[in-house]
All heavy atoms as atom14 arrays in JSON, in Angstrom:
{
  "sequence": "AIFGYDEGILSDDHVLAAALWRNLFNKHCEDPRQLELLVEYVRKQMQY",
  "atom14_mask": [
    [1, 1, 1, 1, 1, 0, 0, 0, 0, 0, 0, 0, 0, 0],
    [1, 1, 1, 1, 1, 1, 1, 1, 0, 0, 0, 0, 0, 0],
    [1, 1, 1, 1, 1, 1, 1, 1, 1, 1, 1, 0, 0, 0],
    [1, 1, 1, 1, 0, 0, 0, 0, 0, 0, 0, 0, 0, 0],
    [1, 1, 1, 1, 1, 1, 1, 1, 1, 1, 1, 1, 0, 0],
    [1, 1, 1, 1, 1, 1, 1, 1, 0, 0, 0, 0, 0, 0],
    [1, 1, 1, 1, 1, 1, 1, 1, 1, 0, 0, 0, 0, 0],
    [1, 1, 1, 1, 0, 0, 0, 0, 0, 0, 0, 0, 0, 0],
    [1, 1, 1, 1, 1, 1, 1, 1, 0, 0, 0, 0, 0, 0],
    [1, 1, 1, 1, 1, 1, 1, 1, 0, 0, 0, 0, 0, 0],
    [1, 1, 1, 1, 1, 1, 0, 0, 0, 0, 0, 0, 0, 0],
    [1, 1, 1, 1, 1, 1, 1, 1, 0, 0, 0, 0, 0, 0],
    [1, 1, 1, 1, 1, 1, 1, 1, 0, 0, 0, 0, 0, 0],
    [1, 1, 1, 1, 1, 1, 1, 1, 1, 1, 0, 0, 0, 0],
    [1, 1, 1, 1, 1, 1, 1, 0, 0, 0, 0, 0, 0, 0],
    [1, 1, 1, 1, 1, 1, 1, 1, 0, 0, 0, 0, 0, 0],
    [1, 1, 1, 1, 1, 0, 0, 0, 0, 0, 0, 0, 0, 0],
    [1, 1, 1, 1, 1, 0, 0, 0, 0, 0, 0, 0, 0, 0],
    [1, 1, 1, 1, 1, 0, 0, 0, 0, 0, 0, 0, 0, 0],
    [1, 1, 1, 1, 1, 1, 1, 1, 0, 0, 0, 0, 0, 0],
    [1, 1, 1, 1, 1, 1, 1, 1, 1, 1, 1, 1, 1, 1],
    [1, 1, 1, 1, 1, 1, 1, 1, 1, 1, 1, 0, 0, 0],
    [1, 1, 1, 1, 1, 1, 1, 1, 0, 0, 0, 0, 0, 0],
    [1, 1, 1, 1, 1, 1, 1, 1, 0, 0, 0, 0, 0, 0],
    [1, 1, 1, 1, 1, 1, 1, 1, 1, 1, 1, 0, 0, 0],
    [1, 1, 1, 1, 1, 1, 1, 1, 0, 0, 0, 0, 0, 0],
    [1, 1, 1, 1, 1, 1, 1, 1, 1, 0, 0, 0, 0, 0],
    [1, 1, 1, 1, 1, 1, 1, 1, 1, 1, 0, 0, 0, 0],
    [1, 1, 1, 1, 1, 1, 0, 0, 0, 0, 0, 0, 0, 0],
    [1, 1, 1, 1, 1, 1, 1, 1, 1, 0, 0, 0, 0, 0],
    [1, 1, 1, 1, 1, 1, 1, 1, 0, 0, 0, 0, 0, 0],
    [1, 1, 1, 1, 1, 1, 1, 0, 0, 0, 0, 0, 0, 0],
    [1, 1, 1, 1, 1, 1, 1, 1, 1, 1, 1, 0, 0, 0],
    [1, 1, 1, 1, 1, 1, 1, 1, 1, 0, 0, 0, 0, 0],
    [1, 1, 1, 1, 1, 1, 1, 1, 0, 0, 0, 0, 0, 0],
    [1, 1, 1, 1, 1, 1, 1, 1, 1, 0, 0, 0, 0, 0],
    [1, 1, 1, 1, 1, 1, 1, 1, 0, 0, 0, 0, 0, 0],
    [1, 1, 1, 1, 1, 1, 1, 1, 0, 0, 0, 0, 0, 0],
    [1, 1, 1, 1, 1, 1, 1, 0, 0, 0, 0, 0, 0, 0],
    [1, 1, 1, 1, 1, 1, 1, 1, 1, 0, 0, 0, 0, 0],
    [1, 1, 1, 1, 1, 1, 1, 1, 1, 1, 1, 1, 0, 0],
    [1, 1, 1, 1, 1, 1, 1, 0, 0, 0, 0, 0, 0, 0],
    [1, 1, 1, 1, 1, 1, 1, 1, 1, 1, 1, 0, 0, 0],
    [1, 1, 1, 1, 1, 1, 1, 1, 1, 0, 0, 0, 0, 0],
    [1, 1, 1, 1, 1, 1, 1, 1, 1, 0, 0, 0, 0, 0],
    [1, 1, 1, 1, 1, 1, 1, 1, 0, 0, 0, 0, 0, 0],
    [1, 1, 1, 1, 1, 1, 1, 1, 1, 0, 0, 0, 0, 0],
    [1, 1, 1, 1, 1, 1, 1, 1, 1, 1, 1, 1, 0, 0]
  ],
  "atom14_positions": [
    [[0.82, -1.21, 0.01], [-0.02, 0.02, -0.01], [0.86, 1.26, 0.02], [0.54, 2.26, -0.66], [-0.9, -0.02, 1.22], [0.0, 0.0, 0.0], [0.0, 0.0, 0.0], [0.0, 0.0, 0.0], [0.0, 0.0, 0.0], [0.0, 0.0, 0.0], [0.0, 0.0, 0.0], [0.0, 0.0, 0.0], [0.0, 0.0, 0.0], [0.0, 0.0, 0.0]],
    [[1.96, 1.24, 0.74], [2.88, 2.39, 0.77], [3.4, 2.68, -0.63], [3.42, 3.85, -1.07], [4.03, 2.15, 1.75], [3.52, 2.27, 3.19], [5.17, 3.13, 1.52], [4.61, 2.07, 4.22], [0.0, 0.0, 0.0], [0.0, 0.0, 0.0], [0.0, 0.0, 0.0], [0.0, 0.0, 0.0], [0.0, 0.0, 0.0], [0.0, 0.0, 0.0]],
    [[3.77, 1.64, -1.35], [4.25, 1.83, -2.7], [3.18, 2.44, -3.61], [3.43, 3.36, -4.38], [4.74, 0.51, -3.26], [5.31, 0.57, -4.65], [6.61, 0.98, -4.86], [4.52, 0.28, -5.74], [7.13, 1.08, -6.14], [5.02, 0.36, -7.04], [6.34, 0.79, -7.22], [0.0, 0.0, 0.0], [0.0, 0.0, 0.0], [0.0, 0.0, 0.0]],
    [[1.95, 1.91, -3.5], [0.88, 2.44, -4.3], [0.48, 3.86, -3.97], [0.23, 4.68, -4.84], [0.0, 0.0, 0.0], [0.0, 0.0, 0.0], [0.0, 0.0, 0.0], [0.0, 0.0, 0.0], [0.0, 0.0, 0.0], [0.0, 0.0, 0.0], [0.0, 0.0, 0.0], [0.0, 0.0, 0.0], [0.0, 0.0, 0.0], [0.0, 0.0, 0.0]],
    [[0.44, 4.14, -2.64], [0.1, 5.51, -2.21], [1.17, 6.51, -2.6], [0.86, 7.64, -3.0], [-0.1, 5.54, -0.7], [-1.34, 4.82, -0.23], [-1.4, 4.24, 1.02], [-2.48, 4.75, -1.02], [-2.53, 3.57, 1.47], [-3.64, 4.12, -0.59], [-3.65, 3.49, 0.63], [-4.79, 2.84, 1.08], [0.0, 0.0, 0.0], [0.0, 0.0, 0.0]],
    [[2.43, 6.11, -2.49], [3.51, 7.02, -2.95], [3.38, 7.35, -4.42], [3.57, 8.5, -4.83], [4.88, 6.35, -2.69], [5.25, 6.38, -1.2], [4.63, 7.15, -0.46], [6.15, 5.64, -0.8], [0.0, 0.0, 0.0], [0.0, 0.0, 0.0], [0.0, 0.0, 0.0], [0.0, 0.0, 0.0], [0.0, 0.0, 0.0], [0.0, 0.0, 0.0]],
    [[3.08, 6.34, -5.23], [2.9, 6.57, -6.66], [1.71, 7.48, -6.91], [1.73, 8.37, -7.77], [2.74, 5.24, -7.38], [2.6, 5.39, -8.9], [2.33, 4.05, -9.58], [2.01, 3.07, -8.87], [2.45, 4.01, -10.8], [0.0, 0.0, 0.0], [0.0, 0.0, 0.0], [0.0, 0.0, 0.0], [0.0, 0.0, 0.0], [0.0, 0.0, 0.0]],
    [[0.65, 7.27, -6.1], [-0.56, 8.08, -6.29], [-0.38, 9.53, -5.9], [-0.84, 10.44, -6.59], [0.0, 0.0, 0.0], [0.0, 0.0, 0.0], [0.0, 0.0, 0.0], [0.0, 0.0, 0.0], [0.0, 0.0, 0.0], [0.0, 0.0, 0.0], [0.0, 0.0, 0.0], [0.0, 0.0, 0.0], [0.0, 0.0, 0.0], [0.0, 0.0, 0.0]],
    [[0.32, 9.8, -4.81], [0.47, 11.18, -4.33], [1.4, 11.94, -5.23], [1.33, 13.16, -5.32], [1.02, 11.16, -2.89], [0.71, 12.51, -2.19], [2.5, 10.89, -2.85], [-0.74, 12.79, -1.99], [0.0, 0.0, 0.0], [0.0, 0.0, 0.0], [0.0, 0.0, 0.0], [0.0, 0.0, 0.0], [0.0, 0.0, 0.0], [0.0, 0.0, 0.0]],
    [[2.28, 11.27, -5.95], [3.19, 11.94, -6.92], [2.58, 12.02, -8.3], [3.17, 12.68, -9.15], [4.5, 11.17, -6.99], [5.37, 11.17, -5.72], [6.58, 10.28, -5.89], [5.79, 12.6, -5.35], [0.0, 0.0, 0.0], [0.0, 0.0, 0.0], [0.0, 0.0, 0.0], [0.0, 0.0, 0.0], [0.0, 0.0, 0.0], [0.0, 0.0, 0.0]],
    [[1.43, 11.42, -8.51], [0.79, 11.42, -9.82], [-0.52, 12.2, -9.73], [-0.74, 12.97, -8.82], [0.57, 10.0, -10.31], [1.76, 9.27, -10.32], [0.0, 0.0, 0.0], [0.0, 0.0, 0.0], [0.0, 0.0, 0.0], [0.0, 0.0, 0.0], [0.0, 0.0, 0.0], [0.0, 0.0, 0.0], [0.0, 0.0, 0.0], [0.0, 0.0, 0.0]],
    [[-1.39, 11.96, -10.7], [-2.66, 12.65, -10.69], [-3.69, 11.9, -9.84], [-3.4, 10.85, -9.28], [-3.15, 12.86, -12.14], [-3.25, 11.54, -12.89], [-3.18, 10.47, -12.23], [-3.39, 11.57, -14.11], [0.0, 0.0, 0.0], [0.0, 0.0, 0.0], [0.0, 0.0, 0.0], [0.0, 0.0, 0.0], [0.0, 0.0, 0.0], [0.0, 0.0, 0.0]],
    [[-4.9, 12.41, -9.82], [-5.98, 11.82, -9.01], [-6.36, 10.44, -9.51], [-6.88, 9.63, -8.71], [-7.18, 12.75, -8.97], [-6.91, 14.02, -8.17], [-5.86, 14.06, -7.46], [-7.73, 14.97, -8.27], [0.0, 0.0, 0.0], [0.0, 0.0, 0.0], [0.0, 0.0, 0.0], [0.0, 0.0, 0.0], [0.0, 0.0, 0.0], [0.0, 0.0, 0.0]],
    [[-6.2, 10.16, -10.79], [-6.59, 8.85, -11.29], [-5.72, 7.76, -10.64], [-6.22, 6.72, -10.21], [-6.46, 8.8, -12.82], [-7.34, 9.75, -13.53], [-7.0, 11.09, -13.73], [-8.59, 9.63, -14.05], [-7.97, 11.68, -14.4], [-8.95, 10.82, -14.59], [0.0, 0.0, 0.0], [0.0, 0.0, 0.0], [0.0, 0.0, 0.0], [0.0, 0.0, 0.0]],
    [[-4.42, 8.02, -10.55], [-3.51, 7.03, -9.98], [-3.75, 6.89, -8.48], [-3.75, 5.79, -7.95], [-2.03, 7.41, -10.27], [-1.08, 6.39, -9.68], [-1.82, 7.58, -11.76], [0.0, 0.0, 0.0], [0.0, 0.0, 0.0], [0.0, 0.0, 0.0], [0.0, 0.0, 0.0], [0.0, 0.0, 0.0], [0.0, 0.0, 0.0], [0.0, 0.0, 0.0]],
    [[-4.0, 7.99, -7.81], [-4.28, 7.94, -6.36], [-5.62, 7.21, -6.09], [-5.7, 6.41, -5.15], [-4.34, 9.35, -5.79], [-4.62, 9.45, -4.28], [-3.58, 8.7, -3.49], [-4.66, 10.91, -3.85], [0.0, 0.0, 0.0], [0.0, 0.0, 0.0], [0.0, 0.0, 0.0], [0.0, 0.0, 0.0], [0.0, 0.0, 0.0], [0.0, 0.0, 0.0]],
    [[-6.6, 7.43, -6.95], [-7.89, 6.76, -6.78], [-7.72, 5.27, -6.99], [-8.33, 4.43, -6.29], [-8.89, 7.33, -7.76], [0.0, 0.0, 0.0], [0.0, 0.0, 0.0], [0.0, 0.0, 0.0], [0.0, 0.0, 0.0], [0.0, 0.0, 0.0], [0.0, 0.0, 0.0], [0.0, 0.0, 0.0], [0.0, 0.0, 0.0], [0.0, 0.0, 0.0]],
    [[-6.89, 4.86, -7.95], [-6.65, 3.41, -8.2], [-5.94, 2.8, -6.98], [-6.27, 1.68, -6.6], [-5.79, 3.27, -9.47], [0.0, 0.0, 0.0], [0.0, 0.0, 0.0], [0.0, 0.0, 0.0], [0.0, 0.0, 0.0], [0.0, 0.0, 0.0], [0.0, 0.0, 0.0], [0.0, 0.0, 0.0], [0.0, 0.0, 0.0], [0.0, 0.0, 0.0]],
    [[-5.0, 3.52, -6.36], [-4.3, 2.99, -5.19], [-5.28, 2.84, -4.03], [-5.21, 1.85, -3.29], [-3.14, 3.92, -4.81], [0.0, 0.0, 0.0], [0.0, 0.0, 0.0], [0.0, 0.0, 0.0], [0.0, 0.0, 0.0], [0.0, 0.0, 0.0], [0.0, 0.0, 0.0], [0.0, 0.0, 0.0], [0.0, 0.0, 0.0], [0.0, 0.0, 0.0]],
    [[-6.17, 3.8, -3.84], [-7.17, 3.69, -2.74], [-8.13, 2.55, -3.04], [-8.58, 1.84, -2.11], [-7.9, 5.02, -2.6], [-7.1, 6.21, -2.07], [-7.85, 7.48, -2.26], [-6.78, 5.97, -0.59], [0.0, 0.0, 0.0], [0.0, 0.0, 0.0], [0.0, 0.0, 0.0], [0.0, 0.0, 0.0], [0.0, 0.0, 0.0], [0.0, 0.0, 0.0]],
    [[-8.5, 2.38, -4.3], [-9.43, 1.3, -4.65], [-8.8, -0.06, -4.38], [-9.48, -0.98, -3.9], [-9.82, 1.43, -6.11], [-10.73, 0.36, -6.62], [-12.03, 0.21, -6.36], [-10.36, -0.72, -7.49], [-12.54, -0.89, -6.99], [-11.53, -1.49, -7.7], [-9.18, -1.12, -8.11], [-11.54, -2.65, -8.5], [-9.21, -2.25, -8.91], [-10.38, -2.99, -9.09]],
    [[-7.53, -0.23, -4.67], [-6.85, -1.51, -4.43], [-6.61, -1.78, -2.97], [-6.81, -2.93, -2.5], [-5.53, -1.54, -5.2], [-5.62, -1.58, -6.71], [-4.27, -1.94, -7.32], [-3.21, -1.07, -6.79], [-2.84, 0.07, -7.38], [-3.47, 0.49, -8.46], [-1.87, 0.79, -6.87], [0.0, 0.0, 0.0], [0.0, 0.0, 0.0], [0.0, 0.0, 0.0]],
    [[-6.15, -0.78, -2.22], [-5.65, -1.01, -0.88], [-6.69, -0.75, 0.21], [-6.82, -1.54, 1.12], [-4.38, -0.15, -0.64], [-3.27, -0.45, -1.61], [-2.65, -1.51, -1.53], [-3.01, 0.46, -2.49], [0.0, 0.0, 0.0], [0.0, 0.0, 0.0], [0.0, 0.0, 0.0], [0.0, 0.0, 0.0], [0.0, 0.0, 0.0], [0.0, 0.0, 0.0]],
    [[-7.38, 0.39, 0.15], [-8.32, 0.72, 1.19], [-9.65, -0.02, 0.98], [-10.23, -0.54, 1.97], [-8.58, 2.22, 1.21], [-9.49, 2.72, 2.34], [-8.81, 2.49, 3.67], [-9.78, 4.21, 2.15], [0.0, 0.0, 0.0], [0.0, 0.0, 0.0], [0.0, 0.0, 0.0], [0.0, 0.0, 0.0], [0.0, 0.0, 0.0], [0.0, 0.0, 0.0]],
    [[-10.14, -0.1, -0.25], [-11.41, -0.75, -0.52], [-11.28, -2.25, -0.89], [-12.31, -2.91, -1.11], [-12.15, -0.02, -1.63], [-12.64, 1.33, -1.25], [-11.89, 2.45, -1.57], [-13.81, 1.52, -0.55], [-12.34, 3.73, -1.23], [-14.28, 2.79, -0.21], [-13.5, 3.89, -0.55], [0.0, 0.0, 0.0], [0.0, 0.0, 0.0], [0.0, 0.0, 0.0]],
    [[-10.06, -2.72, -1.04], [-9.83, -4.12, -1.39], [-10.56, -4.47, -2.72], [-11.11, -5.57, -2.89], [-10.29, -5.08, -0.31], [-9.3, -5.14, 0.84], [-8.11, -5.01, 0.64], [-9.82, -5.28, 2.05], [0.0, 0.0, 0.0], [0.0, 0.0, 0.0], [0.0, 0.0, 0.0], [0.0, 0.0, 0.0], [0.0, 0.0, 0.0], [0.0, 0.0, 0.0]],
    [[-10.6, -3.52, -3.64], [-11.2, -3.67, -4.96], [-12.72, -3.94, -4.88], [-13.29, -4.53, -5.77], [-10.52, -4.85, -5.72], [-9.0, -4.65, -5.91], [-8.43, -5.82, -6.65], [-6.92, -5.68, -6.82], [-6.29, -6.83, -7.52], [0.0, 0.0, 0.0], [0.0, 0.0, 0.0], [0.0, 0.0, 0.0], [0.0, 0.0, 0.0], [0.0, 0.0, 0.0]],
    [[-13.35, -3.48, -3.8], [-14.78, -3.69, -3.65], [-15.46, -2.34, -3.49], [-16.14, -2.09, -2.48], [-15.09, -4.58, -2.46], [-14.54, -5.96, -2.58], [-14.99, -6.86, -3.52], [-13.55, -6.59, -1.89], [-14.31, -8.01, -3.41], [-13.44, -7.88, -2.42], [0.0, 0.0, 0.0], [0.0, 0.0, 0.0], [0.0, 0.0, 0.0], [0.0, 0.0, 0.0]],
    [[-15.29, -1.49, -4.45], [-15.97, -0.18, -4.42], [-16.58, 0.11, -5.78], [-15.83, 0.19, -6.77], [-14.98, 0.95, -4.01], [-15.65, 2.59, -4.04], [0.0, 0.0, 0.0], [0.0, 0.0, 0.0], [0.0, 0.0, 0.0], [0.0, 0.0, 0.0], [0.0, 0.0, 0.0], [0.0, 0.0, 0.0], [0.0, 0.0, 0.0], [0.0, 0.0, 0.0]],
    [[-17.88, 0.22, -5.82], [-18.57, 0.43, -7.09], [-19.16, 1.85, -7.19], [-19.74, 2.18, -8.22], [-19.71, -0.59, -7.23], [-19.24, -2.02, -7.26], [-20.39, -3.01, -7.42], [-21.56, -2.53, -7.42], [-20.14, -4.21, -7.51], [0.0, 0.0, 0.0], [0.0, 0.0, 0.0], [0.0, 0.0, 0.0], [0.0, 0.0, 0.0], [0.0, 0.0, 0.0]],
    [[-18.95, 2.64, -6.11], [-19.46, 3.99, -6.14], [-18.31, 4.96, -6.31], [-17.44, 5.09, -5.47], [-20.17, 4.31, -4.82], [-20.9, 5.64, -4.87], [-20.77, 6.35, -5.85], [-21.66, 5.92, -3.9], [0.0, 0.0, 0.0], [0.0, 0.0, 0.0], [0.0, 0.0, 0.0], [0.0, 0.0, 0.0], [0.0, 0.0, 0.0], [0.0, 0.0, 0.0]],
    [[-18.2, 5.63, -7.47], [-17.08, 6.59, -7.7], [-17.08, 7.76, -6.73], [-16.05, 8.34, -6.54], [-17.28, 7.02, -9.16], [-18.71, 6.78, -9.44], [-19.09, 5.6, -8.64], [0.0, 0.0, 0.0], [0.0, 0.0, 0.0], [0.0, 0.0, 0.0], [0.0, 0.0, 0.0], [0.0, 0.0, 0.0], [0.0, 0.0, 0.0], [0.0, 0.0, 0.0]],
    [[-18.22, 8.04, -6.14], [-18.23, 9.17, -5.2], [-17.46, 8.87, -3.93], [-16.87, 9.78, -3.33], [-19.71, 9.49, -4.84], [-20.53, 10.07, -6.0], [-21.99, 10.22, -5.63], [-22.61, 8.93, -5.33], [-23.86, 8.77, -5.03], [-24.68, 9.82, -4.95], [-24.37, 7.56, -4.79], [0.0, 0.0, 0.0], [0.0, 0.0, 0.0], [0.0, 0.0, 0.0]],
    [[-17.38, 7.64, -3.57], [-16.58, 7.26, -2.4], [-15.09, 7.45, -2.72], [-14.31, 7.94, -1.89], [-16.85, 5.82, -2.02], [-18.27, 5.55, -1.58], [-18.51, 4.08, -1.27], [-17.65, 3.25, -1.36], [-19.76, 3.76, -0.93], [0.0, 0.0, 0.0], [0.0, 0.0, 0.0], [0.0, 0.0, 0.0], [0.0, 0.0, 0.0], [0.0, 0.0, 0.0]],
    [[-14.68, 7.05, -3.9], [-13.26, 7.26, -4.31], [-12.96, 8.78, -4.38], [-11.88, 9.2, -3.98], [-12.97, 6.61, -5.64], [-12.85, 5.1, -5.65], [-12.72, 4.56, -7.04], [-11.66, 4.64, -4.79], [0.0, 0.0, 0.0], [0.0, 0.0, 0.0], [0.0, 0.0, 0.0], [0.0, 0.0, 0.0], [0.0, 0.0, 0.0], [0.0, 0.0, 0.0]],
    [[-13.89, 9.54, -4.9], [-13.66, 10.97, -4.99], [-13.53, 11.57, -3.61], [-12.69, 12.45, -3.37], [-14.84, 11.62, -5.72], [-14.71, 13.14, -5.9], [-15.96, 13.76, -6.53], [-16.92, 13.01, -6.74], [-15.92, 14.97, -6.82], [0.0, 0.0, 0.0], [0.0, 0.0, 0.0], [0.0, 0.0, 0.0], [0.0, 0.0, 0.0], [0.0, 0.0, 0.0]],
    [[-14.34, 11.11, -2.67], [-14.26, 11.63, -1.31], [-12.91, 11.31, -0.67], [-12.29, 12.17, -0.01], [-15.38, 11.01, -0.49], [-15.47, 11.41, 1.0], [-15.72, 12.91, 1.14], [-16.52, 10.59, 1.71], [0.0, 0.0, 0.0], [0.0, 0.0, 0.0], [0.0, 0.0, 0.0], [0.0, 0.0, 0.0], [0.0, 0.0, 0.0], [0.0, 0.0, 0.0]],
    [[-12.43, 10.12, -0.89], [-11.14, 9.69, -0.28], [-9.95, 10.4, -0.94], [-8.99, 10.74, -0.25], [-10.99, 8.17, -0.39], [-11.42, 7.38, 0.87], [-10.6, 7.74, 2.07], [-12.92, 7.58, 1.16], [0.0, 0.0, 0.0], [0.0, 0.0, 0.0], [0.0, 0.0, 0.0], [0.0, 0.0, 0.0], [0.0, 0.0, 0.0], [0.0, 0.0, 0.0]],
    [[-10.03, 10.6, -2.23], [-8.95, 11.33, -2.94], [-8.84, 12.75, -2.41], [-7.76, 13.26, -2.13], [-9.17, 11.29, -4.44], [-8.21, 12.3, -5.14], [-8.91, 9.92, -5.01], [0.0, 0.0, 0.0], [0.0, 0.0, 0.0], [0.0, 0.0, 0.0], [0.0, 0.0, 0.0], [0.0, 0.0, 0.0], [0.0, 0.0, 0.0], [0.0, 0.0, 0.0]],
    [[-10.02, 13.42, -2.29], [-10.02, 14.76, -1.73], [-9.5, 14.76, -0.3], [-8.78, 15.64, 0.12], [-11.44, 15.32, -1.79], [-11.58, 16.7, -1.23], [-13.01, 17.2, -1.2], [-13.89, 16.46, -1.69], [-13.26, 18.32, -0.7], [0.0, 0.0, 0.0], [0.0, 0.0, 0.0], [0.0, 0.0, 0.0], [0.0, 0.0, 0.0], [0.0, 0.0, 0.0]],
    [[-9.86, 13.74, 0.46], [-9.44, 13.65, 1.88], [-7.92, 13.55, 1.96], [-7.29, 14.26, 2.76], [-10.11, 12.45, 2.53], [-9.72, 12.21, 3.97], [-10.25, 13.01, 4.98], [-8.79, 11.21, 4.28], [-9.88, 12.78, 6.28], [-8.44, 11.0, 5.62], [-8.98, 11.79, 6.62], [-8.59, 11.56, 7.91], [0.0, 0.0, 0.0], [0.0, 0.0, 0.0]],
    [[-7.31, 12.65, 1.15], [-5.86, 12.5, 1.21], [-5.16, 13.79, 0.76], [-4.16, 14.22, 1.39], [-5.44, 11.33, 0.33], [-3.91, 11.27, 0.2], [-5.97, 10.01, 0.89], [0.0, 0.0, 0.0], [0.0, 0.0, 0.0], [0.0, 0.0, 0.0], [0.0, 0.0, 0.0], [0.0, 0.0, 0.0], [0.0, 0.0, 0.0], [0.0, 0.0, 0.0]],
    [[-5.63, 14.42, -0.3], [-4.98, 15.63, -0.77], [-5.03, 16.74, 0.26], [-4.01, 17.42, 0.5], [-5.68, 16.11, -2.05], [-5.53, 15.16, -3.25], [-4.14, 15.13, -3.79], [-4.07, 14.34, -5.01], [-2.93, 13.97, -5.59], [-1.79, 14.31, -5.05], [-2.96, 13.25, -6.72], [0.0, 0.0, 0.0], [0.0, 0.0, 0.0], [0.0, 0.0, 0.0]],
    [[-6.17, 16.93, 0.9], [-6.25, 18.02, 1.87], [-5.48, 17.7, 3.13], [-4.9, 18.62, 3.76], [-7.7, 18.32, 2.2], [-8.44, 17.29, 3.05], [-9.85, 17.68, 3.34], [-10.55, 16.65, 4.21], [-11.99, 17.0, 4.41], [0.0, 0.0, 0.0], [0.0, 0.0, 0.0], [0.0, 0.0, 0.0], [0.0, 0.0, 0.0], [0.0, 0.0, 0.0]],
    [[-5.41, 16.44, 3.51], [-4.6, 16.09, 4.68], [-3.11, 16.31, 4.44], [-2.39, 16.84, 5.31], [-4.81, 14.6, 5.07], [-6.21, 14.28, 5.56], [-6.51, 14.9, 6.94], [-5.74, 15.65, 7.49], [-7.67, 14.6, 7.49], [0.0, 0.0, 0.0], [0.0, 0.0, 0.0], [0.0, 0.0, 0.0], [0.0, 0.0, 0.0], [0.0, 0.0, 0.0]],
    [[-2.64, 15.97, 3.24], [-1.24, 16.21, 2.91], [-0.95, 17.71, 2.87], [0.14, 18.13, 3.34], [-0.9, 15.54, 1.59], [-1.01, 14.02, 1.59], [-0.01, 13.25, 2.91], [1.61, 13.84, 2.5], [0.0, 0.0, 0.0], [0.0, 0.0, 0.0], [0.0, 0.0, 0.0], [0.0, 0.0, 0.0], [0.0, 0.0, 0.0], [0.0, 0.0, 0.0]],
    [[-1.86, 18.48, 2.35], [-1.69, 19.91, 2.32], [-1.65, 20.46, 3.74], [-0.82, 21.35, 4.09], [-2.82, 20.57, 1.57], [-2.75, 22.1, 1.48], [-3.95, 22.69, 0.83], [-4.92, 22.03, 0.56], [-3.91, 24.01, 0.63], [0.0, 0.0, 0.0], [0.0, 0.0, 0.0], [0.0, 0.0, 0.0], [0.0, 0.0, 0.0], [0.0, 0.0, 0.0]],
    [[-2.48, 19.91, 4.61], [-2.52, 20.35, 6.02], [-1.24, 20.0, 6.75], [-0.68, 20.81, 7.5], [-3.75, 19.77, 6.69], [-3.88, 20.14, 8.12], [-4.35, 21.42, 8.49], [-3.61, 19.25, 9.13], [-4.51, 21.78, 9.82], [-3.74, 19.63, 10.47], [-4.21, 20.86, 10.82], [-4.33, 21.23, 12.14], [0.0, 0.0, 0.0], [0.0, 0.0, 0.0]]
  ]
}
C-alpha cells in the first residue's frame, strides 16, 4: 500500500484513486463518489 500511495500522491488523482481502490477498498468499491471523497481527503490532509 505504501508503494501504491507514494505513486498516487506523486501522480494525478486517477492514480491515487486506483491505489485507494486496491488497498483501502480491497477492490470492492462500485461508487465513484466514495473514491472521489477519499482522494479529496488525502490531498487536503497532505496539504494540512
